[in-house]
Amino acid sequence: MKTRKSEETRTRILDAALNIFRERGFERATMREIAAAAGVAAGAAYYYFESKEAIVMAFYERSQAEMLSLIAEQMGKNKLLEPLLRAIISTKFEVFAPNRKLLGALSAHADPEHPLSPFSKETAAIREQDIAFFEKAVTQAGIKLPSNLTPYLPRLLWMYQMGLILFWVYDRSAGQRRTMVLYDKTLKMVMTGIKLAGNPFLRPLHKLAAELLEVIYGDEAALDRQSKS
């Protein structure tokens, strides 16, 4: 059972680690240095977090928890898809802003085999909860797409968001203005694409798109089926 003192110690270690990650980078920081900054023994730091990677996972989880209520509040005010998507993505920028440099350092670990990758099995719960925001937005806006494309839309929107965030962490323009312009322009393109996707005259493209998405998101059986077709 966690006590209040235990929670306070854990939070102190997490906050100290994030400060060091921002100042020195993730790779150069050490657990001993983090413990000293938090005012605890090295053994205590390892008691709460077995590694620097565990600290980053705690950061992901805390950020996700913070965003849940903020996104839910903003989504409750809209029923159209564009403002719903803005509610999700803009909140991410706001919450992650103090740790943009840290996210930039962590972006080097994009390989799904790395536990800190947003595509890894270790981050699956966070990823699926994130995708659920987009599922809710699509449902709430009443978006109608061909049945063979509908299941993939939330994941495609999540990937779009990830591309924006990656561009943002490396954007050196003042106030990341370049990202904001990219965000505005590409979101309009996404909305136009979604509207066009429902056009029955594009049915041959729907089939090809669905087959491609099955290769990307499907299992080995789906890959075998599409490679033989």
Protein backbone atom coordinates (compact mmCIF):
# COMPACT_ATOMS: atom_id res chain seq x y z
CA MET A 1 0.00 0.00 0.00
CA LYS A 2 1.39 3.38 -1.04
CA THR A 3 1.62 6.02 1.65
CA ARG A 4 1.51 9.76 1.14
CA LYS A 5 5.21 10.01 2.01
CA SER A 6 6.02 7.26 -0.49
CA GLU A 7 4.10 9.08 -3.23
CA GLU A 8 5.84 12.35 -2.41
CA THR A 9 9.26 10.68 -2.61
CA ARG A 10 8.40 9.06 -5.93
CA THR A 11 7.16 12.38 -7.33
CA ARG A 12 10.31 14.16 -6.11
CA ILE A 13 12.52 11.61 -7.88
CA LEU A 14 10.47 11.86 -11.07
CA ASP A 15 10.57 15.67 -11.08
CA ALA A 16 14.31 15.72 -10.38
CA ALA A 17 14.91 13.26 -13.21
CA LEU A 18 12.89 15.31 -15.69
CA ASN A 19 14.84 18.45 -14.77
CA ILE A 20 18.13 16.63 -15.35
CA PHE A 21 16.88 15.10 -18.61
CA ARG A 22 15.98 18.60 -19.83
CA GLU A 23 19.35 20.06 -18.84
CA ARG A 24 21.76 17.23 -19.69
CA GLY A 25 19.78 14.95 -21.94
CA PHE A 26 18.44 11.48 -21.28
CA GLU A 27 21.53 9.54 -22.32
CA ARG A 28 24.04 11.47 -20.18
CA ALA A 29 21.98 11.45 -16.98
CA THR A 30 22.64 8.79 -14.33
CA MET A 31 20.46 7.31 -11.63
CA ARG A 32 23.00 8.37 -9.00
CA GLU A 33 22.80 11.97 -10.23
CA ILE A 34 18.99 11.81 -10.18
CA ALA A 35 18.99 10.45 -6.62
CA ALA A 36 21.30 13.26 -5.44
CA ALA A 37 19.10 15.91 -7.05
CA ALA A 38 16.04 14.41 -5.37
CA GLY A 39 17.77 14.26 -1.99
CA VAL A 40 17.52 10.49 -1.63
CA ALA A 41 19.99 7.61 -1.57
CA ALA A 42 20.75 5.85 -4.84
CA GLY A 43 19.14 2.71 -3.48
CA ALA A 44 15.92 4.62 -2.81
CA ALA A 45 15.86 5.89 -6.40
CA TYR A 46 16.19 2.33 -7.66
CA TYR A 47 13.46 1.23 -5.25
CA TYR A 48 10.94 3.53 -6.95
CA PHE A 49 12.33 3.30 -10.49
CA GLU A 50 14.44 0.38 -11.63
CA SER A 51 15.98 2.40 -14.47
CA LYS A 52 15.91 5.69 -16.37
CA GLU A 53 13.56 4.01 -18.83
CA ALA A 54 11.11 3.35 -15.98
CA ILE A 55 11.23 7.04 -15.11
CA VAL A 56 10.37 7.98 -18.69
CA MET A 57 7.46 5.53 -18.64
CA ALA A 58 6.20 7.25 -15.49
CA PHE A 59 6.50 10.58 -17.32
CA TYR A 60 4.44 9.20 -20.23
CA GLU A 61 1.79 7.92 -17.82
CA ARG A 62 1.62 11.17 -15.85
CA SER A 63 1.32 13.21 -19.04
CA GLN A 64 -1.42 10.91 -20.30
CA ALA A 65 -3.36 11.24 -17.05
CA GLU A 66 -3.03 15.03 -17.19
CA MET A 67 -4.30 15.10 -20.76
CA LEU A 68 -7.31 12.85 -20.14
CA SER A 69 -9.39 15.43 -18.31
CA LEU A 70 -8.20 18.34 -20.46
CA ILE A 71 -9.07 16.58 -23.71
CA ALA A 72 -12.39 15.28 -22.36
CA GLU A 73 -13.37 18.81 -21.34
CA GLN A 74 -12.52 20.25 -24.77
CA MET A 75 -14.18 17.42 -26.67
CA GLY A 76 -17.37 17.96 -24.70
CA LYS A 77 -17.72 21.36 -26.36
CA ASN A 78 -17.67 20.16 -29.98
CA LYS A 79 -19.36 17.75 -32.35
CA LEU A 80 -17.50 18.53 -35.58
CA LEU A 81 -14.40 16.52 -36.41
CA GLU A 82 -11.95 19.38 -37.06
CA PRO A 83 -12.41 21.10 -33.67
CA LEU A 84 -12.40 17.68 -31.99
CA LEU A 85 -9.04 16.86 -33.58
CA ARG A 86 -7.74 20.27 -32.58
CA ALA A 87 -8.86 19.61 -28.99
CA ILE A 88 -6.75 16.45 -28.94
CA ILE A 89 -3.64 17.62 -30.76
CA SER A 90 -3.43 21.15 -29.32
CA THR A 91 -3.69 19.73 -25.80
CA LYS A 92 -0.72 17.47 -26.56
CA PHE A 93 1.36 20.47 -27.61
CA GLU A 94 0.40 22.36 -24.44
CA VAL A 95 1.08 19.50 -22.02
CA PHE A 96 4.34 18.43 -23.66
CA ALA A 97 5.68 21.99 -24.18
CA PRO A 98 7.86 22.05 -21.01
CA ASN A 99 9.44 18.75 -22.11
CA ARG A 100 9.84 19.37 -25.84
CA LYS A 101 13.61 19.00 -25.62
CA LEU A 102 13.26 15.72 -23.73
CA LEU A 103 10.85 14.38 -26.35
CA GLY A 104 13.40 15.30 -28.98
CA ALA A 105 16.02 13.20 -27.21
CA LEU A 106 13.60 10.30 -26.81
CA SER A 107 12.62 10.42 -30.48
CA ALA A 108 15.90 8.63 -31.21
CA HIS A 109 14.23 5.53 -29.74
CA ALA A 110 11.54 5.10 -32.42
CA ASP A 111 12.41 1.45 -33.08
CA PRO A 112 9.40 -0.66 -31.88
CA GLU A 113 11.92 -3.00 -30.21
CA HIS A 114 12.98 -0.22 -27.82
CA PRO A 115 10.75 -0.04 -24.70
CA LEU A 116 10.44 3.76 -24.91
CA SER A 117 9.29 3.76 -28.52
CA PRO A 118 5.70 4.97 -29.00
CA PHE A 119 5.28 1.81 -31.13
CA SER A 120 6.63 -0.73 -28.61
CA LYS A 121 4.69 -3.36 -26.69
CA GLU A 122 5.73 -1.63 -23.44
CA THR A 123 3.90 1.56 -24.45
CA ALA A 124 0.90 -0.28 -25.95
CA ALA A 125 -1.54 0.69 -23.18
CA ILE A 126 -0.67 4.38 -23.52
CA ARG A 127 -0.85 4.16 -27.32
CA GLU A 128 -4.26 2.45 -27.31
CA GLN A 129 -5.66 4.99 -24.86
CA ASP A 130 -4.37 7.73 -27.14
CA ILE A 131 -5.96 6.15 -30.20
CA ALA A 132 -9.22 5.93 -28.23
CA PHE A 133 -9.34 9.76 -28.24
CA PHE A 134 -9.45 9.66 -32.03
CA GLU A 135 -12.02 6.84 -32.05
CA LYS A 136 -14.26 8.96 -29.86
CA ALA A 137 -13.76 12.00 -32.09
CA VAL A 138 -14.72 10.05 -35.21
CA THR A 139 -17.78 8.56 -33.50
CA GLN A 140 -18.83 11.84 -31.91
CA ALA A 141 -18.60 13.64 -35.26
CA GLY A 142 -20.64 10.92 -36.98
CA ILE A 143 -18.04 10.38 -39.71
CA LYS A 144 -19.19 7.92 -42.38
CA LEU A 145 -16.59 6.14 -44.47
CA PRO A 146 -16.64 2.91 -46.49
CA SER A 147 -16.81 -0.03 -44.07
CA ASN A 148 -13.42 -1.36 -45.21
CA LEU A 149 -11.74 1.94 -44.25
CA THR A 150 -13.60 2.98 -41.09
CA PRO A 151 -11.66 0.75 -38.63
CA TYR A 152 -8.36 2.31 -39.70
CA LEU A 153 -9.25 6.00 -39.46
CA PRO A 154 -8.46 6.51 -35.73
CA ARG A 155 -5.01 4.91 -36.16
CA LEU A 156 -4.30 7.01 -39.24
CA LEU A 157 -5.25 10.15 -37.32
CA TRP A 158 -2.98 9.05 -34.47
CA MET A 159 -0.11 8.60 -36.94
CA TYR A 160 -0.82 12.06 -38.35
CA GLN A 161 -0.57 13.47 -34.83
CA MET A 162 2.73 11.64 -34.24
CA GLY A 163 4.17 13.17 -37.40
CA LEU A 164 3.20 16.64 -36.21
CA ILE A 165 4.75 16.08 -32.79
CA LEU A 166 7.98 14.78 -34.31
CA PHE A 167 8.22 17.86 -36.55
CA TRP A 168 7.45 20.07 -33.53
CA VAL A 169 10.23 18.68 -31.31
CA TYR A 170 12.83 19.52 -33.99
CA ASP A 171 11.27 22.84 -35.06
CA ARG A 172 13.75 25.65 -34.35
CA SER A 173 11.53 28.49 -35.60
CA ALA A 174 10.52 31.09 -33.00
CA GLY A 175 7.72 29.69 -30.88
CA GLN A 176 7.61 26.72 -33.26
CA ARG A 177 5.58 28.86 -35.68
CA ARG A 178 6.53 26.60 -38.57
CA THR A 179 4.81 23.70 -36.83
CA MET A 180 1.66 25.72 -36.23
CA VAL A 181 1.42 26.64 -39.92
CA LEU A 182 2.01 23.01 -40.88
CA TYR A 183 -0.65 21.98 -38.36
CA ASP A 184 -3.28 24.36 -39.74
CA LYS A 185 -2.63 23.55 -43.39
CA THR A 186 -2.33 19.78 -43.05
CA LEU A 187 -5.39 19.48 -40.83
CA LYS A 188 -7.46 21.12 -43.57
CA MET A 189 -5.95 18.64 -46.03
CA VAL A 190 -6.85 15.75 -43.70
CA MET A 191 -10.44 16.99 -43.42
CA THR A 192 -10.71 17.31 -47.20
CA GLY A 193 -9.31 13.81 -47.63
CA ILE A 194 -11.86 12.36 -45.19
CA LYS A 195 -14.71 14.07 -47.03
CA LEU A 196 -13.47 12.78 -50.41
CA ALA A 197 -13.01 9.27 -49.02
CA GLY A 198 -16.77 8.87 -48.79
CA ASN A 199 -17.24 9.52 -52.52
CA PRO A 200 -18.67 6.36 -54.18
CA PHE A 201 -16.82 7.16 -57.41
CA LEU A 202 -13.58 6.43 -55.55
CA ARG A 203 -14.61 2.85 -54.72
CA PRO A 204 -11.67 1.27 -56.63
CA LEU A 205 -9.29 3.41 -54.55
CA HIS A 206 -11.15 2.44 -51.36
CA LYS A 207 -10.38 -1.23 -52.06
CA LEU A 208 -6.70 -0.56 -52.74
CA ALA A 209 -6.40 1.67 -49.66
CA ALA A 210 -8.06 -0.95 -47.46
CA GLU A 211 -5.70 -3.64 -48.77
CA LEU A 212 -2.69 -1.43 -48.09
CA LEU A 213 -3.89 -0.64 -44.56
CA GLU A 214 -4.43 -4.34 -43.89
CA VAL A 215 -0.79 -4.95 -44.81
CA ILE A 216 0.35 -2.16 -42.45
CA TYR A 217 -1.89 -2.98 -39.49
CA GLY A 218 -2.83 -6.60 -40.06
CA ASP A 219 -1.21 -9.81 -38.88
CA GLU A 220 0.98 -12.23 -40.86
CA ALA A 221 -2.11 -13.92 -42.31
CA ALA A 222 -3.28 -10.59 -43.73
CA LEU A 223 0.18 -9.98 -45.20
CA ASP A 224 0.17 -13.44 -46.84
CA ARG A 225 -3.32 -12.87 -48.23
CA GLN A 226 -2.44 -9.50 -49.78
CA SER A 227 0.90 -10.69 -51.18
CA LYS A 228 -0.92 -13.44 -53.08
CA SER A 229 -3.74 -11.26 -54.40
